[in-house]
Amino acid sequence: IADYLATAVVRVLAPESAHGETASHGLGGVRVAIDEDTYSITDKDGLCQLIDRVGMGTVTLHHPCFGSGGRTVEGVAFEVERERETVILADIRVYVCASLADQEKQTEDDAFDRLSLGKPRQPQAVAV
């Protein structure tokens, strides 16, 4: 028994943008899988094409922004008559924590002298 095959387009977008920008950006390098053996990788614009049996399908996205388990998306349409595009928004979050760099223990007088003399202390930032 043969099944009809159809193409589906998946676009993965990163809705976050730089200050002042309003457009979403495509997320490249996302592995969009129908199963372990059938997958495509998004290009720099976040686009990829998949071929599967006609009907509604389920895909799994693999990329660091989706965590170690990836994200499963149901309802991807594989239609013969037209090529449908499924848009998936990535949930990219970058947390930044800033603190003063570790230094040798100081007395209160040393800290006061440093503040009063205006000597800058080096901040330390860590992204998680």
N, C-alpha and C. Protein backbone atom coordinates (compact mmCIF):
# COMPACT_ATOMS: atom_id res chain seq x y z
N ILE A 1 0.86 -1.17 0.00
CA ILE A 1 0.00 0.00 0.00
C ILE A 1 0.90 1.23 0.00
N ALA A 2 0.69 2.08 -0.97
CA ALA A 2 1.50 3.30 -1.10
C ALA A 2 0.74 4.48 -0.51
N ASP A 3 1.47 5.36 0.11
CA ASP A 3 0.89 6.59 0.65
C ASP A 3 1.37 7.78 -0.19
N TYR A 4 0.54 8.80 -0.24
CA TYR A 4 0.96 10.04 -0.88
C TYR A 4 1.92 10.76 0.04
N LEU A 5 2.94 11.39 -0.58
CA LEU A 5 3.90 12.18 0.18
C LEU A 5 3.68 13.65 -0.11
N ALA A 6 3.98 14.47 0.86
CA ALA A 6 3.82 15.91 0.70
C ALA A 6 4.95 16.62 1.46
N THR A 7 5.13 17.88 1.12
CA THR A 7 6.17 18.70 1.73
C THR A 7 5.55 19.66 2.73
N ALA A 8 6.23 19.83 3.84
CA ALA A 8 5.84 20.85 4.82
C ALA A 8 7.05 21.74 5.05
N VAL A 9 6.79 23.02 5.26
CA VAL A 9 7.85 23.98 5.57
C VAL A 9 7.73 24.34 7.04
N VAL A 10 8.84 24.29 7.74
CA VAL A 10 8.87 24.69 9.15
C VAL A 10 9.80 25.90 9.26
N ARG A 11 9.32 26.93 9.93
CA ARG A 11 10.13 28.13 10.17
C ARG A 11 10.25 28.31 11.69
N VAL A 12 11.48 28.37 12.18
CA VAL A 12 11.73 28.57 13.61
C VAL A 12 12.23 29.99 13.78
N LEU A 13 11.51 30.76 14.59
CA LEU A 13 11.84 32.17 14.80
C LEU A 13 12.23 32.44 16.24
N ALA A 14 13.16 33.37 16.41
CA ALA A 14 13.53 33.86 17.73
C ALA A 14 12.86 35.22 17.89
N PRO A 15 11.80 35.31 18.70
CA PRO A 15 11.05 36.56 18.78
C PRO A 15 11.81 37.69 19.44
N GLU A 16 12.80 37.37 20.25
CA GLU A 16 13.57 38.40 20.91
C GLU A 16 14.50 39.04 19.89
N SER A 17 14.68 40.34 20.00
CA SER A 17 15.56 41.02 19.07
C SER A 17 16.32 42.10 19.83
N ALA A 18 17.22 42.75 19.14
CA ALA A 18 18.00 43.81 19.75
C ALA A 18 17.10 45.01 20.05
N HIS A 19 17.53 45.84 20.95
CA HIS A 19 16.77 47.02 21.35
C HIS A 19 16.40 47.85 20.12
N GLY A 20 15.15 48.15 19.97
CA GLY A 20 14.68 48.98 18.87
C GLY A 20 14.23 48.20 17.64
N GLU A 21 14.56 46.93 17.55
CA GLU A 21 14.13 46.11 16.42
C GLU A 21 12.75 45.55 16.69
N THR A 22 11.98 45.39 15.64
CA THR A 22 10.63 44.84 15.81
C THR A 22 10.45 43.49 15.12
N ALA A 23 11.35 43.13 14.20
CA ALA A 23 11.21 41.88 13.45
C ALA A 23 11.81 40.71 14.21
N SER A 24 11.20 39.54 14.04
CA SER A 24 11.76 38.31 14.59
C SER A 24 12.86 37.82 13.65
N HIS A 25 13.77 37.04 14.17
CA HIS A 25 14.89 36.53 13.39
C HIS A 25 14.79 35.01 13.30
N GLY A 26 15.15 34.47 12.16
CA GLY A 26 15.17 33.02 12.00
C GLY A 26 16.27 32.40 12.84
N LEU A 27 16.01 31.21 13.34
CA LEU A 27 16.98 30.50 14.16
C LEU A 27 17.55 29.35 13.33
N GLY A 28 18.79 29.47 12.92
CA GLY A 28 19.45 28.45 12.12
C GLY A 28 20.02 27.33 12.99
N GLY A 29 20.26 26.20 12.35
CA GLY A 29 20.89 25.09 13.05
C GLY A 29 19.97 24.26 13.92
N VAL A 30 18.66 24.41 13.76
CA VAL A 30 17.70 23.61 14.52
C VAL A 30 17.46 22.31 13.76
N ARG A 31 17.58 21.19 14.44
CA ARG A 31 17.31 19.88 13.83
C ARG A 31 15.82 19.61 14.01
N VAL A 32 15.07 19.59 12.91
CA VAL A 32 13.64 19.36 12.91
C VAL A 32 13.41 17.92 12.46
N ALA A 33 12.99 17.06 13.39
CA ALA A 33 12.92 15.63 13.11
C ALA A 33 11.49 15.10 13.11
N ILE A 34 11.20 14.26 12.10
CA ILE A 34 9.95 13.51 12.08
C ILE A 34 10.15 12.25 12.92
N ASP A 35 11.29 11.65 12.77
CA ASP A 35 11.71 10.52 13.60
C ASP A 35 13.25 10.57 13.63
N GLU A 36 13.89 9.57 14.19
CA GLU A 36 15.34 9.60 14.32
C GLU A 36 16.07 9.62 12.99
N ASP A 37 15.48 9.02 11.96
CA ASP A 37 16.14 8.92 10.67
C ASP A 37 15.71 9.98 9.66
N THR A 38 14.62 10.66 9.91
CA THR A 38 14.09 11.64 8.96
C THR A 38 14.07 13.01 9.61
N TYR A 39 14.97 13.87 9.14
CA TYR A 39 15.04 15.21 9.72
C TYR A 39 15.64 16.18 8.72
N SER A 40 15.54 17.46 9.05
CA SER A 40 16.14 18.53 8.27
C SER A 40 16.70 19.55 9.25
N ILE A 41 17.62 20.37 8.78
CA ILE A 41 18.24 21.40 9.62
C ILE A 41 17.84 22.76 9.07
N THR A 42 17.41 23.67 9.96
CA THR A 42 17.00 25.00 9.50
C THR A 42 18.22 25.78 9.01
N ASP A 43 17.97 26.61 7.99
CA ASP A 43 19.03 27.47 7.45
C ASP A 43 19.13 28.75 8.30
N LYS A 44 19.92 29.71 7.85
CA LYS A 44 20.15 30.93 8.64
C LYS A 44 18.87 31.75 8.83
N ASP A 45 17.88 31.52 7.98
CA ASP A 45 16.59 32.22 8.11
C ASP A 45 15.58 31.44 8.93
N GLY A 46 16.00 30.28 9.47
CA GLY A 46 15.12 29.46 10.30
C GLY A 46 14.19 28.56 9.51
N LEU A 47 14.44 28.37 8.21
CA LEU A 47 13.56 27.58 7.34
C LEU A 47 14.13 26.20 7.05
N CYS A 48 13.23 25.22 6.95
CA CYS A 48 13.60 23.90 6.45
C CYS A 48 12.35 23.26 5.85
N GLN A 49 12.57 22.26 5.01
CA GLN A 49 11.47 21.51 4.39
C GLN A 49 11.57 20.05 4.81
N LEU A 50 10.41 19.46 5.02
CA LEU A 50 10.33 18.05 5.38
C LEU A 50 9.36 17.36 4.44
N ILE A 51 9.60 16.10 4.16
CA ILE A 51 8.68 15.30 3.34
C ILE A 51 8.20 14.13 4.19
N ASP A 52 6.87 13.96 4.21
CA ASP A 52 6.27 12.87 4.99
C ASP A 52 4.94 12.50 4.35
N ARG A 53 4.27 11.54 4.93
CA ARG A 53 2.94 11.14 4.44
C ARG A 53 1.96 12.30 4.58
N VAL A 54 1.01 12.34 3.65
CA VAL A 54 -0.02 13.38 3.69
C VAL A 54 -0.80 13.28 4.99
N GLY A 55 -1.09 14.43 5.57
CA GLY A 55 -1.87 14.50 6.81
C GLY A 55 -1.18 15.38 7.83
N MET A 56 -1.64 15.30 9.05
CA MET A 56 -1.06 16.08 10.14
C MET A 56 0.06 15.26 10.77
N GLY A 57 1.17 15.92 11.01
CA GLY A 57 2.31 15.22 11.57
C GLY A 57 2.82 15.87 12.84
N THR A 58 3.76 15.20 13.47
CA THR A 58 4.40 15.69 14.69
C THR A 58 5.90 15.75 14.43
N VAL A 59 6.54 16.86 14.81
CA VAL A 59 7.98 16.99 14.67
C VAL A 59 8.59 17.32 16.02
N THR A 60 9.86 17.02 16.16
CA THR A 60 10.60 17.37 17.37
C THR A 60 11.76 18.26 16.98
N LEU A 61 11.89 19.37 17.70
CA LEU A 61 12.95 20.34 17.44
C LEU A 61 14.08 20.11 18.43
N HIS A 62 15.31 20.04 17.90
CA HIS A 62 16.48 19.86 18.74
C HIS A 62 17.43 21.04 18.55
N HIS A 63 17.65 21.77 19.63
CA HIS A 63 18.54 22.94 19.63
C HIS A 63 18.75 23.29 21.10
N PRO A 64 19.91 23.86 21.46
CA PRO A 64 20.13 24.21 22.86
C PRO A 64 19.03 25.09 23.48
N CYS A 65 18.39 25.94 22.69
CA CYS A 65 17.36 26.81 23.28
C CYS A 65 16.10 26.05 23.66
N PHE A 66 15.94 24.80 23.17
CA PHE A 66 14.78 23.99 23.53
C PHE A 66 15.09 23.00 24.64
N GLY A 67 16.28 23.06 25.21
CA GLY A 67 16.64 22.16 26.30
C GLY A 67 17.08 20.80 25.79
N SER A 68 17.49 19.96 26.71
CA SER A 68 18.05 18.66 26.32
C SER A 68 17.03 17.72 25.68
N GLY A 69 15.76 17.87 26.03
CA GLY A 69 14.73 17.00 25.46
C GLY A 69 14.13 17.51 24.18
N GLY A 70 14.48 18.73 23.78
CA GLY A 70 13.90 19.33 22.58
C GLY A 70 12.45 19.76 22.83
N ARG A 71 11.78 20.12 21.76
CA ARG A 71 10.37 20.49 21.85
C ARG A 71 9.60 19.73 20.79
N THR A 72 8.49 19.12 21.19
CA THR A 72 7.64 18.39 20.26
C THR A 72 6.49 19.30 19.85
N VAL A 73 6.27 19.35 18.54
CA VAL A 73 5.21 20.20 17.99
C VAL A 73 4.26 19.31 17.19
N GLU A 74 2.99 19.33 17.57
CA GLU A 74 1.97 18.57 16.85
C GLU A 74 1.25 19.49 15.88
N GLY A 75 0.62 18.91 14.90
CA GLY A 75 -0.22 19.70 13.98
C GLY A 75 0.54 20.30 12.82
N VAL A 76 1.66 19.70 12.42
CA VAL A 76 2.37 20.16 11.22
C VAL A 76 1.67 19.54 10.01
N ALA A 77 1.21 20.39 9.10
CA ALA A 77 0.40 19.92 7.97
C ALA A 77 1.26 19.53 6.77
N PHE A 78 1.07 18.30 6.31
CA PHE A 78 1.69 17.81 5.08
C PHE A 78 0.56 17.67 4.07
N GLU A 79 0.47 18.61 3.11
CA GLU A 79 -0.63 18.63 2.15
C GLU A 79 -0.11 18.55 0.73
N VAL A 80 -0.83 17.81 -0.11
CA VAL A 80 -0.44 17.65 -1.50
C VAL A 80 -0.71 18.92 -2.29
N GLU A 81 -1.86 19.53 -2.08
CA GLU A 81 -2.29 20.67 -2.89
C GLU A 81 -1.41 21.90 -2.71
N ARG A 82 -0.94 22.12 -1.50
CA ARG A 82 -0.13 23.32 -1.26
C ARG A 82 0.87 23.06 -0.14
N GLU A 83 1.92 23.82 -0.21
CA GLU A 83 2.98 23.70 0.78
C GLU A 83 2.66 24.65 1.93
N ARG A 84 2.36 24.11 3.09
CA ARG A 84 2.02 24.93 4.24
C ARG A 84 3.26 25.22 5.07
N GLU A 85 3.25 26.37 5.71
CA GLU A 85 4.36 26.75 6.58
C GLU A 85 3.89 26.75 8.03
N THR A 86 4.62 26.05 8.88
CA THR A 86 4.35 26.04 10.31
C THR A 86 5.41 26.91 10.97
N VAL A 87 4.98 27.94 11.69
CA VAL A 87 5.91 28.84 12.37
C VAL A 87 5.98 28.45 13.83
N ILE A 88 7.21 28.28 14.31
CA ILE A 88 7.44 27.89 15.71
C ILE A 88 8.34 28.94 16.34
N LEU A 89 7.91 29.48 17.47
CA LEU A 89 8.71 30.49 18.16
C LEU A 89 9.63 29.83 19.17
N ALA A 90 10.90 30.16 19.11
CA ALA A 90 11.88 29.67 20.08
C ALA A 90 11.76 30.51 21.34
N ASP A 91 11.96 29.89 22.47
CA ASP A 91 11.88 30.59 23.75
C ASP A 91 13.30 30.77 24.28
N ILE A 92 13.99 31.76 23.71
CA ILE A 92 15.38 31.98 24.08
C ILE A 92 15.42 32.97 25.23
N ARG A 93 16.07 32.55 26.29
CA ARG A 93 16.21 33.42 27.46
C ARG A 93 17.66 33.41 27.90
N VAL A 94 18.22 34.58 28.07
CA VAL A 94 19.58 34.70 28.56
C VAL A 94 19.50 35.46 29.88
N TYR A 95 19.99 34.85 30.90
CA TYR A 95 20.00 35.47 32.22
C TYR A 95 21.42 35.94 32.51
N VAL A 96 21.55 37.16 32.95
CA VAL A 96 22.86 37.70 33.27
C VAL A 96 22.87 38.08 34.74
N CYS A 97 23.92 37.66 35.41
CA CYS A 97 24.09 37.99 36.81
C CYS A 97 25.41 38.74 36.94
N ALA A 98 25.40 39.92 37.48
CA ALA A 98 26.62 40.70 37.64
C ALA A 98 26.92 40.85 39.13
N SER A 99 28.18 40.75 39.46
CA SER A 99 28.61 40.93 40.84
C SER A 99 30.02 41.48 40.84
N LEU A 100 30.48 41.90 41.99
CA LEU A 100 31.85 42.39 42.09
C LEU A 100 32.78 41.19 42.04
N ALA A 101 33.91 41.39 41.37
CA ALA A 101 34.88 40.30 41.27
C ALA A 101 35.40 39.93 42.65
N ASP A 102 35.69 38.64 42.82
CA ASP A 102 36.23 38.18 44.09
C ASP A 102 37.60 38.80 44.33
N GLN A 103 37.78 39.32 45.50
CA GLN A 103 39.06 39.90 45.88
C GLN A 103 39.40 39.40 47.27
N GLU A 104 40.62 39.68 47.68
CA GLU A 104 41.01 39.29 49.02
C GLU A 104 40.09 39.97 50.02
N LYS A 105 39.95 39.35 51.20
CA LYS A 105 39.10 39.94 52.23
C LYS A 105 39.62 41.32 52.58
N GLN A 106 38.68 42.21 52.77
CA GLN A 106 39.03 43.59 53.08
C GLN A 106 38.43 43.97 54.43
N THR A 107 39.03 44.91 55.02
CA THR A 107 38.45 45.47 56.24
C THR A 107 37.47 46.55 55.82
N GLU A 108 36.65 46.99 56.73
CA GLU A 108 35.70 48.05 56.41
C GLU A 108 36.43 49.32 56.02
N ASP A 109 37.59 49.59 56.67
CA ASP A 109 38.35 50.79 56.34
C ASP A 109 38.85 50.73 54.89
N ASP A 110 39.33 49.54 54.44
CA ASP A 110 39.80 49.40 53.07
C ASP A 110 38.68 49.67 52.08
N ALA A 111 37.51 49.11 52.35
CA ALA A 111 36.37 49.31 51.48
C ALA A 111 35.98 50.79 51.43
N PHE A 112 35.97 51.45 52.59
CA PHE A 112 35.63 52.86 52.65
C PHE A 112 36.65 53.68 51.87
N ASP A 113 37.96 53.39 52.04
CA ASP A 113 38.99 54.11 51.31
C ASP A 113 38.81 53.95 49.81
N ARG A 114 38.52 52.76 49.37
CA ARG A 114 38.35 52.50 47.94
C ARG A 114 37.17 53.30 47.39
N LEU A 115 36.07 53.33 48.14
CA LEU A 115 34.90 54.07 47.68
C LEU A 115 35.17 55.57 47.68
N SER A 116 35.80 56.05 48.72
CA SER A 116 36.01 57.50 48.82
C SER A 116 37.05 57.98 47.81
N LEU A 117 38.00 57.15 47.41
CA LEU A 117 39.00 57.56 46.44
C LEU A 117 38.51 57.35 45.00
N GLY A 118 37.36 56.73 44.87
CA GLY A 118 36.79 56.53 43.53
C GLY A 118 37.51 55.48 42.71
N LYS A 119 38.26 54.59 43.35
CA LYS A 119 38.92 53.53 42.60
C LYS A 119 37.85 52.53 42.14
N PRO A 120 37.78 52.29 40.83
CA PRO A 120 36.75 51.37 40.34
C PRO A 120 37.07 49.92 40.69
N ARG A 121 36.03 49.18 40.95
CA ARG A 121 36.16 47.73 41.14
C ARG A 121 35.66 47.07 39.86
N GLN A 122 36.29 46.02 39.47
CA GLN A 122 35.94 45.32 38.24
C GLN A 122 34.70 44.47 38.43
N PRO A 123 33.64 44.71 37.65
CA PRO A 123 32.46 43.83 37.75
C PRO A 123 32.74 42.51 37.06
N GLN A 124 31.99 41.52 37.45
CA GLN A 124 32.10 40.18 36.85
C GLN A 124 30.71 39.77 36.42
N ALA A 125 30.56 39.34 35.16
CA ALA A 125 29.26 38.93 34.63
C ALA A 125 29.31 37.47 34.23
N VAL A 126 28.22 36.77 34.50
CA VAL A 126 28.10 35.37 34.14
C VAL A 126 26.75 35.17 33.46
N ALA A 127 26.76 34.60 32.26
CA ALA A 127 25.49 34.29 31.56
C ALA A 127 25.17 32.83 31.78
N VAL A 128 23.91 32.54 32.08
CA VAL A 128 23.47 31.17 32.32
C VAL A 128 22.48 30.78 31.25
